[in-house]
C-alpha atoms as a PDB file:
ATOM      1  CA  UNK A   1       9.722   6.445  11.232  1.00  0.00           C
ATOM      2  CA  UNK A   2       6.448   6.007   9.543  1.00  0.00           C
ATOM      3  CA  UNK A   3       5.803   3.824   6.515  1.00  0.00           C
ATOM      4  CA  UNK A   4       3.097   4.295   3.972  1.00  0.00           C
ATOM      5  CA  UNK A   5       2.079   1.811   1.122  1.00  0.00           C
ATOM      6  CA  UNK A   6      -0.002   3.177  -1.836  1.00  0.00           C
ATOM      7  CA  UNK A   7      -1.409   2.066  -5.124  1.00  0.00           C
ATOM      8  CA  UNK A   8      -1.953   3.772  -8.422  1.00  0.00           C
ATOM      9  CA  UNK A   9      -2.585   2.463 -11.866  1.00  0.00           C
ATOM     10  CA  UNK A  10      -0.888   3.502 -15.114  1.00  0.00           C
ATOM     11  CA  UNK A  11      -2.642   3.972 -18.476  1.00  0.00           C
ATOM     12  CA  UNK A  12      -2.605   0.468 -20.034  1.00  0.00           C
ATOM     13  CA  UNK A  13      -0.433   1.099 -22.975  1.00  0.00           C
ATOM     14  CA  UNK A  14       2.924  -0.622 -23.342  1.00  0.00           C
ATOM     15  CA  UNK A  15       4.718   2.469 -24.939  1.00  0.00           C
ATOM     16  CA  UNK A  16       3.331   4.704 -22.265  1.00  0.00           C
ATOM     17  CA  UNK A  17       4.416   2.397 -19.424  1.00  0.00           C
ATOM     18  CA  UNK A  18       7.911   2.162 -20.943  1.00  0.00           C
ATOM     19  CA  UNK A  19       8.154   5.978 -20.981  1.00  0.00           C
ATOM     20  CA  UNK A  20       7.052   6.223 -17.412  1.00  0.00           C
ATOM     21  CA  UNK A  21       9.766   3.764 -16.434  1.00  0.00           C
ATOM     22  CA  UNK A  22      12.369   5.697 -18.343  1.00  0.00           C
ATOM     23  CA  UNK A  23      11.438   8.923 -16.550  1.00  0.00           C
ATOM     24  CA  UNK A  24      11.920   7.155 -13.258  1.00  0.00           C
ATOM     25  CA  UNK A  25      15.303   5.801 -14.137  1.00  0.00           C
ATOM     26  CA  UNK A  26      16.387   9.436 -14.533  1.00  0.00           C
ATOM     27  CA  UNK A  27      14.304  11.343 -11.921  1.00  0.00           C
ATOM     28  CA  UNK A  28      15.060  15.071 -12.022  1.00  0.00           C
ATOM     29  CA  UNK A  29      17.185  16.351  -9.059  1.00  0.00           C
ATOM     30  CA  UNK A  30      14.501  18.851  -8.070  1.00  0.00           C
ATOM     31  CA  UNK A  31      12.053  16.036  -7.671  1.00  0.00           C
ATOM     32  CA  UNK A  32      14.241  14.173  -5.222  1.00  0.00           C
ATOM     33  CA  UNK A  33      15.186  17.339  -3.299  1.00  0.00           C
ATOM     34  CA  UNK A  34      11.442  18.123  -3.016  1.00  0.00           C
ATOM     35  CA  UNK A  35      10.615  14.771  -1.621  1.00  0.00           C
ATOM     36  CA  UNK A  36      13.467  14.923   0.942  1.00  0.00           C
ATOM     37  CA  UNK A  37      12.477  18.538   1.795  1.00  0.00           C
ATOM     38  CA  UNK A  38       8.987  17.497   3.005  1.00  0.00           C
ATOM     39  CA  UNK A  39      10.057  14.735   5.254  1.00  0.00           C
ATOM     40  CA  UNK A  40      10.236  11.773   3.009  1.00  0.00           C
ATOM     41  CA  UNK A  41      13.264   9.725   3.906  1.00  0.00           C
ATOM     42  CA  UNK A  42      12.935   6.899   1.397  1.00  0.00           C
ATOM     43  CA  UNK A  43      10.530   5.973  -1.502  1.00  0.00           C
ATOM     44  CA  UNK A  44      10.271   2.967  -3.733  1.00  0.00           C
ATOM     45  CA  UNK A  45       7.801   2.297  -6.463  1.00  0.00           C
ATOM     46  CA  UNK A  46       7.175  -1.155  -7.931  1.00  0.00           C
ATOM     47  CA  UNK A  47       5.228  -2.067 -10.995  1.00  0.00           C
ATOM     48  CA  UNK A  48       3.158  -5.128 -11.869  1.00  0.00           C
ATOM     49  CA  UNK A  49       1.388  -4.902 -15.227  1.00  0.00           C
ATOM     50  CA  UNK A  50      -0.172  -1.414 -15.093  1.00  0.00           C
ATOM     51  CA  UNK A  51      -0.424  -1.309 -11.269  1.00  0.00           C
ATOM     52  CA  UNK A  52       2.014   0.771  -9.145  1.00  0.00           C
ATOM     53  CA  UNK A  53       2.819   0.001  -5.557  1.00  0.00           C
ATOM     54  CA  UNK A  54       4.736   2.782  -3.656  1.00  0.00           C
ATOM     55  CA  UNK A  55       6.418   2.386  -0.227  1.00  0.00           C
ATOM     56  CA  UNK A  56       7.194   5.720   1.494  1.00  0.00           C
ATOM     57  CA  UNK A  57       9.255   6.012   4.716  1.00  0.00           C
ATOM     58  CA  UNK A  58       8.895   9.363   6.371  1.00  0.00           C
ATOM     59  CA  UNK A  59       9.678  11.234   9.641  1.00  0.00           C
ATOM     60  CA  UNK A  60       7.518  10.352  12.535  1.00  0.00           C
ATOM     61  CA  UNK A  61       5.543  13.724  12.440  1.00  0.00           C
ATOM     62  CA  UNK A  62       4.857  13.376   8.776  1.00  0.00           C
ATOM     63  CA  UNK A  63       1.080  13.679   7.751  1.00  0.00           C
ATOM     64  CA  UNK A  64       0.386  12.053   4.485  1.00  0.00           C
ATOM     65  CA  UNK A  65      -2.759  14.126   3.786  1.00  0.00           C
ATOM     66  CA  UNK A  66      -1.073  17.510   4.295  1.00  0.00           C
ATOM     67  CA  UNK A  67       2.638  17.102   3.971  1.00  0.00           C
ATOM     68  CA  UNK A  68       2.665  15.085   0.733  1.00  0.00           C
ATOM     69  CA  UNK A  69       0.880  18.017  -1.046  1.00  0.00           C
ATOM     70  CA  UNK A  70       3.785  20.303  -0.089  1.00  0.00           C
ATOM     71  CA  UNK A  71       5.997  18.501  -2.515  1.00  0.00           C
ATOM     72  CA  UNK A  72       4.469  20.166  -5.534  1.00  0.00           C
ATOM     73  CA  UNK A  73       5.060  23.550  -3.875  1.00  0.00           C
ATOM     74  CA  UNK A  74       8.728  22.840  -3.266  1.00  0.00           C
ATOM     75  CA  UNK A  75       9.736  23.852  -6.831  1.00  0.00           C
ATOM     76  CA  UNK A  76       8.390  24.585 -10.227  1.00  0.00           C
ATOM     77  CA  UNK A  77      10.267  21.403 -11.534  1.00  0.00           C
ATOM     78  CA  UNK A  78       8.518  19.349  -8.844  1.00  0.00           C
ATOM     79  CA  UNK A  79       5.217  20.642  -9.831  1.00  0.00           C
ATOM     80  CA  UNK A  80       6.094  20.158 -13.597  1.00  0.00           C
ATOM     81  CA  UNK A  81       7.054  16.509 -12.736  1.00  0.00           C
ATOM     82  CA  UNK A  82       3.743  15.897 -10.968  1.00  0.00           C
ATOM     83  CA  UNK A  83       1.750  17.198 -13.974  1.00  0.00           C
ATOM     84  CA  UNK A  84       3.891  15.175 -16.433  1.00  0.00           C
ATOM     85  CA  UNK A  85       3.480  11.909 -14.436  1.00  0.00           C
ATOM     86  CA  UNK A  86      -0.262  12.263 -14.285  1.00  0.00           C
ATOM     87  CA  UNK A  87      -0.492  11.876 -18.012  1.00  0.00           C
ATOM     88  CA  UNK A  88       0.742   8.214 -17.452  1.00  0.00           C
ATOM     89  CA  UNK A  89      -1.408   7.620 -14.433  1.00  0.00           C
ATOM     90  CA  UNK A  90      -4.917   6.853 -13.533  1.00  0.00           C
ATOM     91  CA  UNK A  91      -6.732   6.074 -10.300  1.00  0.00           C
ATOM     92  CA  UNK A  92      -7.295   2.430  -9.206  1.00  0.00           C
ATOM     93  CA  UNK A  93     -10.823   1.111  -9.033  1.00  0.00           C
ATOM     94  CA  UNK A  94     -10.435   1.269  -5.313  1.00  0.00           C
ATOM     95  CA  UNK A  95      -9.343   4.849  -5.039  1.00  0.00           C
ATOM     96  CA  UNK A  96     -11.567   7.137  -2.866  1.00  0.00           C
ATOM     97  CA  UNK A  97     -12.838  10.420  -4.274  1.00  0.00           C
ATOM     98  CA  UNK A  98     -10.409  13.260  -3.655  1.00  0.00           C
ATOM     99  CA  UNK A  99      -7.411  10.855  -3.587  1.00  0.00           C
ATOM    100  CA  UNK A 100      -4.844  10.152  -6.315  1.00  0.00           C
ATOM    101  CA  UNK A 101      -2.594   7.367  -4.826  1.00  0.00           C
ATOM    102  CA  UNK A 102      -4.800   5.058  -2.868  1.00  0.00           C
ATOM    103  CA  UNK A 103      -3.581   4.235   0.681  1.00  0.00           C
ATOM    104  CA  UNK A 104      -3.122   0.587   1.317  1.00  0.00           C
ATOM    105  CA  UNK A 105      -3.745  -1.195   4.670  1.00  0.00           C
ATOM    106  CA  UNK A 106      -1.129  -3.521   6.166  1.00  0.00           C
ATOM    107  CA  UNK A 107      -2.558  -7.032   6.664  1.00  0.00           C
ATOM    108  CA  UNK A 108       0.638  -8.811   7.749  1.00  0.00           C
ATOM    109  CA  UNK A 109       3.972  -7.914   9.454  1.00  0.00           C
ATOM    110  CA  UNK A 110       6.489 -10.646  10.240  1.00  0.00           C
ATOM    111  CA  UNK A 111       7.720  -8.712  13.314  1.00  0.00           C
ATOM    112  CA  UNK A 112       4.390  -8.008  14.983  1.00  0.00           C
ATOM    113  CA  UNK A 113       3.133 -10.441  17.533  1.00  0.00           C
END
């Protein structure tokens, strides 16, 4: 299994952030199905202020640069969800050109020698 950690910011507006959180309390079934269909085995998103932190566990052969993009192709509803969520989101100041979610580098692991 591979694990990826990624960051993204939300538009800094309390009502917009609340709406984003509400959507994620009731994620559309097609979104979950689409994520599972591309090899994502688990996903968690955490929020601090307007910064999102996402942890994604995938199959070993998952390629984040190519496979993650297949999600929006998995169904019209998945593509609609992606478009809808982007109205709440913005890139972090650390996001490279051509990326949306910025990959994070692990700096500590309790179980690594």
